[in-house]
Amino acid sequence: MADDRYGVRDEEVEIERNRLEMLAEARDPRTRRILDGTGLSPGWRCWELGAGGGTVSAWLGKRVGPDGTVWSTDVDLQFHRPVLPNVVVEQHDVTRDPVPTSAFDLVHARAVLQHLPERDQVIKKLWDALVPGGWLVAEDGAFASFAEQSLPEPYATVHRFVSMGTTTDWRDADYGVRLTGRFRDLGAADVDVIGDVWAMRPGEPGGEWWFMALERAIPRLVEAGLVAPEDGETALAQVREPGFVMMSTVSIAVVGRKPSN
């Protein structure tokens, strides 16, 4: 059964598996460039938090080689692909389970912190997990402009509801804009900030990760009485029309090094 904390109902598993594959295809090249910028080398010990399908973990396993290790964790491992022997895959909840200290040369979390009510406490755990000289890389979004962009009806209404669903009492869909301050509070050195936005189109990974999320979300909106069934169907048809294009979320990555002294 899908883990409730992952937000996936049993009947949605295949959609979510495909969505994660699209997300990986769209975002992994950028993530790999950012991680390579830390000086990632053979022999490094890495932690991939919220590993999802495990594509970044698999790539890290190749980059660090047989003398390095990767701890690949998530609360739900049903989507995780097979990996190399130097990648340890473990079901782990960073908000509840023990986290090793001074253990990793690199800790990476993509689209994880914004979903955790304990995000500020968790980022401190990630920081403490680094050895002196180690690197923390956090990637999160900024949804405000994404939610308010001009779109055709009825998709515009559906889009606002789905975007609002990413901002609840316990989620912070704009946490990406707060990451730099968190790194500053931690005392990170050599901090860098990388922002990215792109065109989302049907049939392309950069758009399909969101359009597949709509396929999961719209039935829930209909069940809740927020969207009429015919409007939900029309909205899905609109985003699949040839020539449809919209702006992505703003994706923000912050990189920082734990001082050696």
C-alpha atoms as a PDB file:
ATOM      1  CA  MET A   1       0.000   0.000   0.000  1.00  0.00           C
ATOM      2  CA  ALA A   2       1.202   3.507  -0.801  1.00  0.00           C
ATOM      3  CA  ASP A   3       2.439   5.406   2.243  1.00  0.00           C
ATOM      4  CA  ASP A   4      -0.056   8.128   3.262  1.00  0.00           C
ATOM      5  CA  ARG A   5       2.814  10.545   3.856  1.00  0.00           C
ATOM      6  CA  TYR A   6       3.752  10.160   0.190  1.00  0.00           C
ATOM      7  CA  GLY A   7       0.211  11.250  -0.738  1.00  0.00           C
ATOM      8  CA  VAL A   8      -0.400   8.468  -3.288  1.00  0.00           C
ATOM      9  CA  ARG A   9      -3.521   6.339  -3.284  1.00  0.00           C
ATOM     10  CA  ASP A  10      -3.221   2.741  -4.467  1.00  0.00           C
ATOM     11  CA  GLU A  11      -5.080   3.493  -7.700  1.00  0.00           C
ATOM     12  CA  GLU A  12      -2.663   6.363  -8.450  1.00  0.00           C
ATOM     13  CA  VAL A  13       0.602   4.422  -8.154  1.00  0.00           C
ATOM     14  CA  GLU A  14       1.214   3.972 -11.891  1.00  0.00           C
ATOM     15  CA  ILE A  15       0.493   7.636 -12.641  1.00  0.00           C
ATOM     16  CA  GLU A  16       2.898   8.671  -9.887  1.00  0.00           C
ATOM     17  CA  ARG A  17       5.592   6.275 -11.116  1.00  0.00           C
ATOM     18  CA  ASN A  18       5.381   7.791 -14.603  1.00  0.00           C
ATOM     19  CA  ARG A  19       5.278  11.310 -13.166  1.00  0.00           C
ATOM     20  CA  LEU A  20       8.478  10.733 -11.191  1.00  0.00           C
ATOM     21  CA  GLU A  21      10.161   9.446 -14.346  1.00  0.00           C
ATOM     22  CA  MET A  22       9.162  12.627 -16.186  1.00  0.00           C
ATOM     23  CA  LEU A  23      10.367  14.764 -13.280  1.00  0.00           C
ATOM     24  CA  ALA A  24      13.711  12.960 -13.250  1.00  0.00           C
ATOM     25  CA  GLU A  25      14.141  13.359 -16.996  1.00  0.00           C
ATOM     26  CA  ALA A  26      13.379  17.068 -16.736  1.00  0.00           C
ATOM     27  CA  ARG A  27      15.338  17.936 -13.583  1.00  0.00           C
ATOM     28  CA  ASP A  28      18.193  15.425 -13.220  1.00  0.00           C
ATOM     29  CA  PRO A  29      20.542  17.092 -15.755  1.00  0.00           C
ATOM     30  CA  ARG A  30      20.369  20.370 -13.794  1.00  0.00           C
ATOM     31  CA  THR A  31      20.792  18.559 -10.480  1.00  0.00           C
ATOM     32  CA  ARG A  32      23.817  16.663 -11.770  1.00  0.00           C
ATOM     33  CA  ARG A  33      25.485  19.892 -12.898  1.00  0.00           C
ATOM     34  CA  ILE A  34      24.912  21.468  -9.485  1.00  0.00           C
ATOM     35  CA  LEU A  35      26.225  18.439  -7.598  1.00  0.00           C
ATOM     36  CA  ASP A  36      29.275  18.227  -9.849  1.00  0.00           C
ATOM     37  CA  GLY A  37      29.973  21.851  -8.926  1.00  0.00           C
ATOM     38  CA  THR A  38      30.730  20.807  -5.348  1.00  0.00           C
ATOM     39  CA  GLY A  39      33.804  18.897  -6.522  1.00  0.00           C
ATOM     40  CA  LEU A  40      32.039  15.531  -6.189  1.00  0.00           C
ATOM     41  CA  SER A  41      34.765  12.870  -6.402  1.00  0.00           C
ATOM     42  CA  PRO A  42      35.389   9.121  -6.119  1.00  0.00           C
ATOM     43  CA  GLY A  43      35.346   7.967  -2.515  1.00  0.00           C
ATOM     44  CA  TRP A  44      32.794  10.542  -1.308  1.00  0.00           C
ATOM     45  CA  ARG A  45      30.073   9.530   1.152  1.00  0.00           C
ATOM     46  CA  CYS A  46      26.713  10.956   0.051  1.00  0.00           C
ATOM     47  CA  TRP A  47      23.170  11.092   1.363  1.00  0.00           C
ATOM     48  CA  GLU A  48      20.288  11.471  -1.090  1.00  0.00           C
ATOM     49  CA  LEU A  49      17.229  12.476   0.960  1.00  0.00           C
ATOM     50  CA  GLY A  50      13.799  11.902  -0.583  1.00  0.00           C
ATOM     51  CA  ALA A  51      15.260   9.697  -3.292  1.00  0.00           C
ATOM     52  CA  GLY A  52      11.967   9.036  -5.114  1.00  0.00           C
ATOM     53  CA  GLY A  53      12.766   6.894  -8.152  1.00  0.00           C
ATOM     54  CA  GLY A  54      16.437   6.710  -7.191  1.00  0.00           C
ATOM     55  CA  THR A  55      17.825   8.227 -10.400  1.00  0.00           C
ATOM     56  CA  VAL A  56      20.024  10.772  -8.624  1.00  0.00           C
ATOM     57  CA  SER A  57      21.194   8.099  -6.163  1.00  0.00           C
ATOM     58  CA  ALA A  58      22.158   5.808  -9.036  1.00  0.00           C
ATOM     59  CA  TRP A  59      24.110   8.596 -10.713  1.00  0.00           C
ATOM     60  CA  LEU A  60      25.864   9.468  -7.450  1.00  0.00           C
ATOM     61  CA  GLY A  61      26.795   5.802  -7.017  1.00  0.00           C
ATOM     62  CA  LYS A  62      28.579   5.854 -10.354  1.00  0.00           C
ATOM     63  CA  ARG A  63      30.301   9.157  -9.630  1.00  0.00           C
ATOM     64  CA  VAL A  64      31.697   8.175  -6.215  1.00  0.00           C
ATOM     65  CA  GLY A  65      32.767   4.733  -7.443  1.00  0.00           C
ATOM     66  CA  PRO A  66      33.292   1.540  -5.442  1.00  0.00           C
ATOM     67  CA  ASP A  67      35.256   3.357  -2.741  1.00  0.00           C
ATOM     68  CA  GLY A  68      32.384   5.762  -2.093  1.00  0.00           C
ATOM     69  CA  THR A  69      28.900   5.217  -0.689  1.00  0.00           C
ATOM     70  CA  VAL A  70      25.421   6.650  -1.158  1.00  0.00           C
ATOM     71  CA  TRP A  71      22.667   6.463   1.454  1.00  0.00           C
ATOM     72  CA  SER A  72      19.433   6.664  -0.540  1.00  0.00           C
ATOM     73  CA  THR A  73      16.413   7.293   1.688  1.00  0.00           C
ATOM     74  CA  ASP A  74      12.697   7.949   1.384  1.00  0.00           C
ATOM     75  CA  VAL A  75       9.563   7.315   3.440  1.00  0.00           C
ATOM     76  CA  ASP A  76       8.237   5.171   0.566  1.00  0.00           C
ATOM     77  CA  LEU A  77      10.556   3.047  -1.591  1.00  0.00           C
ATOM     78  CA  GLN A  78       8.020   1.551  -3.985  1.00  0.00           C
ATOM     79  CA  PHE A  79       9.231   3.791  -6.823  1.00  0.00           C
ATOM     80  CA  HIS A  80      12.970   3.290  -6.202  1.00  0.00           C
ATOM     81  CA  ARG A  81      14.891   1.656  -9.050  1.00  0.00           C
ATOM     82  CA  PRO A  82      17.604  -1.004  -8.545  1.00  0.00           C
ATOM     83  CA  VAL A  83      21.015   0.544  -7.881  1.00  0.00           C
ATOM     84  CA  LEU A  84      24.707  -0.277  -7.609  1.00  0.00           C
ATOM     85  CA  PRO A  85      26.090  -2.196  -4.605  1.00  0.00           C
ATOM     86  CA  ASN A  86      27.596   0.991  -3.136  1.00  0.00           C
ATOM     87  CA  VAL A  87      24.120   2.561  -2.855  1.00  0.00           C
ATOM     88  CA  VAL A  88      22.340   1.657   0.390  1.00  0.00           C
ATOM     89  CA  VAL A  89      18.577   2.036  -0.039  1.00  0.00           C
ATOM     90  CA  GLU A  90      16.648   2.482   3.201  1.00  0.00           C
ATOM     91  CA  GLN A  91      13.132   3.449   4.209  1.00  0.00           C
ATOM     92  CA  HIS A  92      13.734   6.373   6.526  1.00  0.00           C
ATOM     93  CA  ASP A  93      11.755   9.323   7.844  1.00  0.00           C
ATOM     94  CA  VAL A  94      14.130  12.188   8.540  1.00  0.00           C
ATOM     95  CA  THR A  95      11.610  13.784  10.907  1.00  0.00           C
ATOM     96  CA  ARG A  96      11.443  10.712  13.159  1.00  0.00           C
ATOM     97  CA  ASP A  97      14.345   8.353  12.573  1.00  0.00           C
ATOM     98  CA  PRO A  98      17.962   8.739  13.750  1.00  0.00           C
ATOM     99  CA  VAL A  99      20.329  10.677  11.484  1.00  0.00           C
ATOM    100  CA  PRO A 100      24.095  10.083  11.653  1.00  0.00           C
ATOM    101  CA  THR A 101      26.270  13.087  12.464  1.00  0.00           C
ATOM    102  CA  SER A 102      29.550  14.081  10.788  1.00  0.00           C
ATOM    103  CA  ALA A 103      29.103  11.232   8.301  1.00  0.00           C
ATOM    104  CA  PHE A 104      28.772  12.661   4.773  1.00  0.00           C
ATOM    105  CA  ASP A 105      30.767  14.678   2.263  1.00  0.00           C
ATOM    106  CA  LEU A 106      27.568  15.603   0.406  1.00  0.00           C
ATOM    107  CA  VAL A 107      23.919  15.803   1.435  1.00  0.00           C
ATOM    108  CA  HIS A 108      21.304  16.530  -1.229  1.00  0.00           C
ATOM    109  CA  ALA A 109      17.540  17.116  -0.919  1.00  0.00           C
ATOM    110  CA  ARG A 110      15.372  18.028  -3.929  1.00  0.00           C
ATOM    111  CA  ALA A 111      11.748  19.102  -3.444  1.00  0.00           C
ATOM    112  CA  VAL A 112      11.715  17.648   0.077  1.00  0.00           C
ATOM    113  CA  LEU A 113      12.014  20.403   2.667  1.00  0.00           C
ATOM    114  CA  GLN A 114       9.040  22.411   1.425  1.00  0.00           C
ATOM    115  CA  HIS A 115       6.792  19.430   2.221  1.00  0.00           C
ATOM    116  CA  LEU A 116       7.914  18.993   5.825  1.00  0.00           C
ATOM    117  CA  PRO A 117       6.374  20.970   8.703  1.00  0.00           C
ATOM    118  CA  GLU A 118       9.671  20.446  10.573  1.00  0.00           C
ATOM    119  CA  ARG A 119      11.707  21.780   7.637  1.00  0.00           C
ATOM    120  CA  ASP A 120      13.862  24.168   9.674  1.00  0.00           C
ATOM    121  CA  GLN A 121      14.723  21.438  12.169  1.00  0.00           C
ATOM    122  CA  VAL A 122      15.398  18.982   9.337  1.00  0.00           C
ATOM    123  CA  ILE A 123      17.807  21.267   7.503  1.00  0.00           C
ATOM    124  CA  LYS A 124      19.785  21.519  10.747  1.00  0.00           C
ATOM    125  CA  LYS A 125      19.924  17.705  10.861  1.00  0.00           C
ATOM    126  CA  LEU A 126      21.233  17.663   7.289  1.00  0.00           C
ATOM    127  CA  TRP A 127      23.874  20.209   8.228  1.00  0.00           C
ATOM    128  CA  ASP A 128      24.935  18.219  11.283  1.00  0.00           C
ATOM    129  CA  ALA A 129      25.215  15.095   9.113  1.00  0.00           C
ATOM    130  CA  LEU A 130      28.061  16.706   7.130  1.00  0.00           C
ATOM    131  CA  VAL A 131      31.731  16.307   7.905  1.00  0.00           C
ATOM    132  CA  PRO A 132      33.681  19.581   8.124  1.00  0.00           C
ATOM    133  CA  GLY A 133      34.254  20.679   4.551  1.00  0.00           C
ATOM    134  CA  GLY A 134      31.171  18.784   3.344  1.00  0.00           C
ATOM    135  CA  TRP A 135      28.507  20.233   1.055  1.00  0.00           C
ATOM    136  CA  LEU A 136      24.770  20.704   1.513  1.00  0.00           C
ATOM    137  CA  VAL A 137      22.640  21.121  -1.616  1.00  0.00           C
ATOM    138  CA  ALA A 138      18.919  21.880  -1.225  1.00  0.00           C
ATOM    139  CA  GLU A 139      16.527  22.385  -4.140  1.00  0.00           C
ATOM    140  CA  ASP A 140      13.021  23.720  -3.592  1.00  0.00           C
ATOM    141  CA  GLY A 141      10.449  25.781  -5.425  1.00  0.00           C
ATOM    142  CA  ALA A 142       8.797  29.177  -5.407  1.00  0.00           C
ATOM    143  CA  PHE A 143       5.159  28.658  -6.361  1.00  0.00           C
ATOM    144  CA  ALA A 144       3.730  32.184  -6.038  1.00  0.00           C
ATOM    145  CA  SER A 145       4.296  33.284  -9.648  1.00  0.00           C
ATOM    146  CA  PHE A 146       3.438  29.782 -10.921  1.00  0.00           C
ATOM    147  CA  ALA A 147       0.046  29.880  -9.226  1.00  0.00           C
ATOM    148  CA  GLU A 148      -0.858  33.395 -10.435  1.00  0.00           C
ATOM    149  CA  GLN A 149       0.155  33.228 -14.101  1.00  0.00           C
ATOM    150  CA  SER A 150      -2.394  33.945 -16.850  1.00  0.00           C
ATOM    151  CA  LEU A 151      -4.042  30.741 -18.128  1.00  0.00           C
ATOM    152  CA  PRO A 152      -7.226  29.853 -20.043  1.00  0.00           C
ATOM    153  CA  GLU A 153     -10.382  28.863 -18.186  1.00  0.00           C
ATOM    154  CA  PRO A 154     -11.409  26.430 -16.831  1.00  0.00           C
ATOM    155  CA  TYR A 155      -7.814  25.245 -16.477  1.00  0.00           C
ATOM    156  CA  ALA A 156      -6.885  28.511 -14.718  1.00  0.00           C
ATOM    157  CA  THR A 157      -9.303  27.747 -11.876  1.00  0.00           C
ATOM    158  CA  VAL A 158      -8.169  24.122 -11.617  1.00  0.00           C
ATOM    159  CA  HIS A 159      -4.545  25.248 -11.643  1.00  0.00           C
ATOM    160  CA  ARG A 160      -5.106  27.683  -8.792  1.00  0.00           C
ATOM    161  CA  PHE A 161      -6.793  24.979  -6.704  1.00  0.00           C
ATOM    162  CA  VAL A 162      -3.977  22.491  -7.341  1.00  0.00           C
ATOM    163  CA  SER A 163      -1.315  25.121  -6.657  1.00  0.00           C
ATOM    164  CA  MET A 164      -3.115  26.162  -3.457  1.00  0.00           C
ATOM    165  CA  GLY A 165      -3.020  22.508  -2.440  1.00  0.00           C
ATOM    166  CA  THR A 166       0.758  22.762  -2.297  1.00  0.00           C
ATOM    167  CA  THR A 167       0.494  25.495   0.353  1.00  0.00           C
ATOM    168  CA  THR A 168      -1.149  24.244   3.535  1.00  0.00           C
ATOM    169  CA  ASP A 169      -0.577  24.764   7.226  1.00  0.00           C
ATOM    170  CA  TRP A 170       2.304  22.317   7.052  1.00  0.00           C
ATOM    171  CA  ARG A 171       3.719  22.930   3.561  1.00  0.00           C
ATOM    172  CA  ASP A 172       5.690  25.923   2.372  1.00  0.00           C
ATOM    173  CA  ALA A 173       5.581  26.014  -1.422  1.00  0.00           C
ATOM    174  CA  ASP A 174       7.828  29.094  -1.457  1.00  0.00           C
ATOM    175  CA  TYR A 175      10.509  27.619   0.772  1.00  0.00           C
ATOM    176  CA  GLY A 176      13.013  27.946  -2.053  1.00  0.00           C
ATOM    177  CA  VAL A 177      13.165  31.699  -1.524  1.00  0.00           C
ATOM    178  CA  ARG A 178      13.951  31.152   2.160  1.00  0.00           C
ATOM    179  CA  LEU A 179      16.774  28.677   1.652  1.00  0.00           C
ATOM    180  CA  THR A 180      19.537  31.270   1.340  1.00  0.00           C
ATOM    181  CA  GLY A 181      18.644  32.687   4.738  1.00  0.00           C
ATOM    182  CA  ARG A 182      18.630  29.223   6.270  1.00  0.00           C
ATOM    183  CA  PHE A 183      22.101  28.519   4.880  1.00  0.00           C
ATOM    184  CA  ARG A 184      23.299  31.868   6.238  1.00  0.00           C
ATOM    185  CA  ASP A 185      21.885  30.999   9.671  1.00  0.00           C
ATOM    186  CA  LEU A 186      23.727  27.680   9.575  1.00  0.00           C
ATOM    187  CA  GLY A 187      27.022  29.464   8.938  1.00  0.00           C
ATOM    188  CA  ALA A 188      27.558  27.977   5.490  1.00  0.00           C
ATOM    189  CA  ALA A 189      30.584  29.066   3.469  1.00  0.00           C
ATOM    190  CA  ASP A 190      30.887  29.475  -0.310  1.00  0.00           C
ATOM    191  CA  VAL A 191      27.118  29.785  -0.677  1.00  0.00           C
ATOM    192  CA  ASP A 192      25.751  29.843  -4.206  1.00  0.00           C
ATOM    193  CA  VAL A 193      22.160  30.238  -5.438  1.00  0.00           C
ATOM    194  CA  ILE A 194      20.936  28.890  -8.778  1.00  0.00           C
ATOM    195  CA  GLY A 195      17.470  29.718 -10.104  1.00  0.00           C
ATOM    196  CA  ASP A 196      15.720  28.146 -13.058  1.00  0.00           C
ATOM    197  CA  VAL A 197      12.426  28.494 -14.925  1.00  0.00           C
ATOM    198  CA  TRP A 198      11.325  26.862 -18.173  1.00  0.00           C
ATOM    199  CA  ALA A 199       8.461  26.452 -20.649  1.00  0.00           C
ATOM    200  CA  MET A 200       6.061  23.611 -19.876  1.00  0.00           C
ATOM    201  CA  ARG A 201       4.513  21.869 -22.889  1.00  0.00           C
ATOM    202  CA  PRO A 202       2.470  18.692 -23.365  1.00  0.00           C
ATOM    203  CA  GLY A 203       4.508  15.662 -24.336  1.00  0.00           C
ATOM    204  CA  GLU A 204       7.725  17.069 -22.846  1.00  0.00           C
ATOM    205  CA  PRO A 205       9.125  15.954 -19.479  1.00  0.00           C
ATOM    206  CA  GLY A 206       9.354  19.562 -18.293  1.00  0.00           C
ATOM    207  CA  GLY A 207       5.552  19.805 -18.479  1.00  0.00           C
ATOM    208  CA  GLU A 208       4.357  16.252 -18.062  1.00  0.00           C
ATOM    209  CA  TRP A 209       5.501  16.005 -14.437  1.00  0.00           C
ATOM    210  CA  TRP A 210       2.847  18.637 -13.615  1.00  0.00           C
ATOM    211  CA  PHE A 211       0.162  17.528 -16.059  1.00  0.00           C
ATOM    212  CA  MET A 212       0.354  14.013 -14.593  1.00  0.00           C
ATOM    213  CA  ALA A 213      -0.050  15.554 -11.148  1.00  0.00           C
ATOM    214  CA  LEU A 214      -3.250  17.137 -12.449  1.00  0.00           C
ATOM    215  CA  GLU A 215      -4.526  13.694 -13.426  1.00  0.00           C
ATOM    216  CA  ARG A 216      -4.198  12.714  -9.762  1.00  0.00           C
ATOM    217  CA  ALA A 217      -5.496  15.975  -8.334  1.00  0.00           C
ATOM    218  CA  ILE A 218      -8.590  16.661 -10.432  1.00  0.00           C
ATOM    219  CA  PRO A 219     -10.602  13.621  -9.249  1.00  0.00           C
ATOM    220  CA  ARG A 220      -9.934  14.744  -5.668  1.00  0.00           C
ATOM    221  CA  LEU A 221     -11.134  18.268  -6.484  1.00  0.00           C
ATOM    222  CA  VAL A 222     -14.277  16.816  -8.054  1.00  0.00           C
ATOM    223  CA  GLU A 223     -14.857  14.609  -4.989  1.00  0.00           C
ATOM    224  CA  ALA A 224     -14.535  17.699  -2.778  1.00  0.00           C
ATOM    225  CA  GLY A 225     -17.050  19.613  -4.892  1.00  0.00           C
ATOM    226  CA  LEU A 226     -14.497  22.271  -5.828  1.00  0.00           C
ATOM    227  CA  VAL A 227     -14.496  21.519  -9.558  1.00  0.00           C
ATOM    228  CA  ALA A 228     -17.306  20.296 -11.810  1.00  0.00           C
ATOM    229  CA  PRO A 229     -16.487  16.998 -13.567  1.00  0.00           C
ATOM    230  CA  GLU A 230     -16.842  18.562 -17.016  1.00  0.00           C
ATOM    231  CA  ASP A 231     -14.489  21.415 -16.071  1.00  0.00           C
ATOM    232  CA  GLY A 232     -11.903  18.914 -14.867  1.00  0.00           C
ATOM    233  CA  GLU A 233     -12.113  17.028 -18.162  1.00  0.00           C
ATOM    234  CA  THR A 234     -11.845  20.255 -20.153  1.00  0.00           C
ATOM    235  CA  ALA A 235      -8.850  21.429 -18.138  1.00  0.00           C
ATOM    236  CA  LEU A 236      -6.974  18.194 -18.826  1.00  0.00           C
ATOM    237  CA  ALA A 237      -7.801  18.522 -22.529  1.00  0.00           C
ATOM    238  CA  GLN A 238      -6.540  22.116 -22.570  1.00  0.00           C
ATOM    239  CA  VAL A 239      -3.077  21.258 -21.242  1.00  0.00           C
ATOM    240  CA  ARG A 240      -2.798  18.450 -23.838  1.00  0.00           C
ATOM    241  CA  GLU A 241      -3.623  20.691 -26.790  1.00  0.00           C
ATOM    242  CA  PRO A 242      -0.824  21.119 -29.365  1.00  0.00           C
ATOM    243  CA  GLY A 243       0.798  24.495 -28.869  1.00  0.00           C
ATOM    244  CA  PHE A 244      -0.192  24.846 -25.211  1.00  0.00           C
ATOM    245  CA  VAL A 245       2.577  26.395 -23.123  1.00  0.00           C
ATOM    246  CA  MET A 246       2.843  27.726 -19.583  1.00  0.00           C
ATOM    247  CA  MET A 247       5.566  28.854 -17.204  1.00  0.00           C
ATOM    248  CA  SER A 248       7.099  26.427 -14.729  1.00  0.00           C
ATOM    249  CA  THR A 249       7.612  26.955 -11.052  1.00  0.00           C
ATOM    250  CA  VAL A 250      10.766  28.837 -10.150  1.00  0.00           C
ATOM    251  CA  SER A 251      13.227  26.169  -9.038  1.00  0.00           C
ATOM    252  CA  ILE A 252      15.858  27.390  -6.583  1.00  0.00           C
ATOM    253  CA  ALA A 253      18.968  25.472  -5.557  1.00  0.00           C
ATOM    254  CA  VAL A 254      21.200  26.656  -2.732  1.00  0.00           C
ATOM    255  CA  VAL A 255      24.670  25.189  -2.232  1.00  0.00           C
ATOM    256  CA  GLY A 256      26.864  25.694   0.823  1.00  0.00           C
ATOM    257  CA  ARG A 257      29.957  24.208   2.446  1.00  0.00           C
ATOM    258  CA  LYS A 258      30.366  23.388   6.125  1.00  0.00           C
ATOM    259  CA  PRO A 259      33.476  25.228   7.303  1.00  0.00           C
ATOM    260  CA  SER A 260      36.451  23.068   8.167  1.00  0.00           C
ATOM    261  CA  ASN A 261      37.120  24.896  11.441  1.00  0.00           C
END
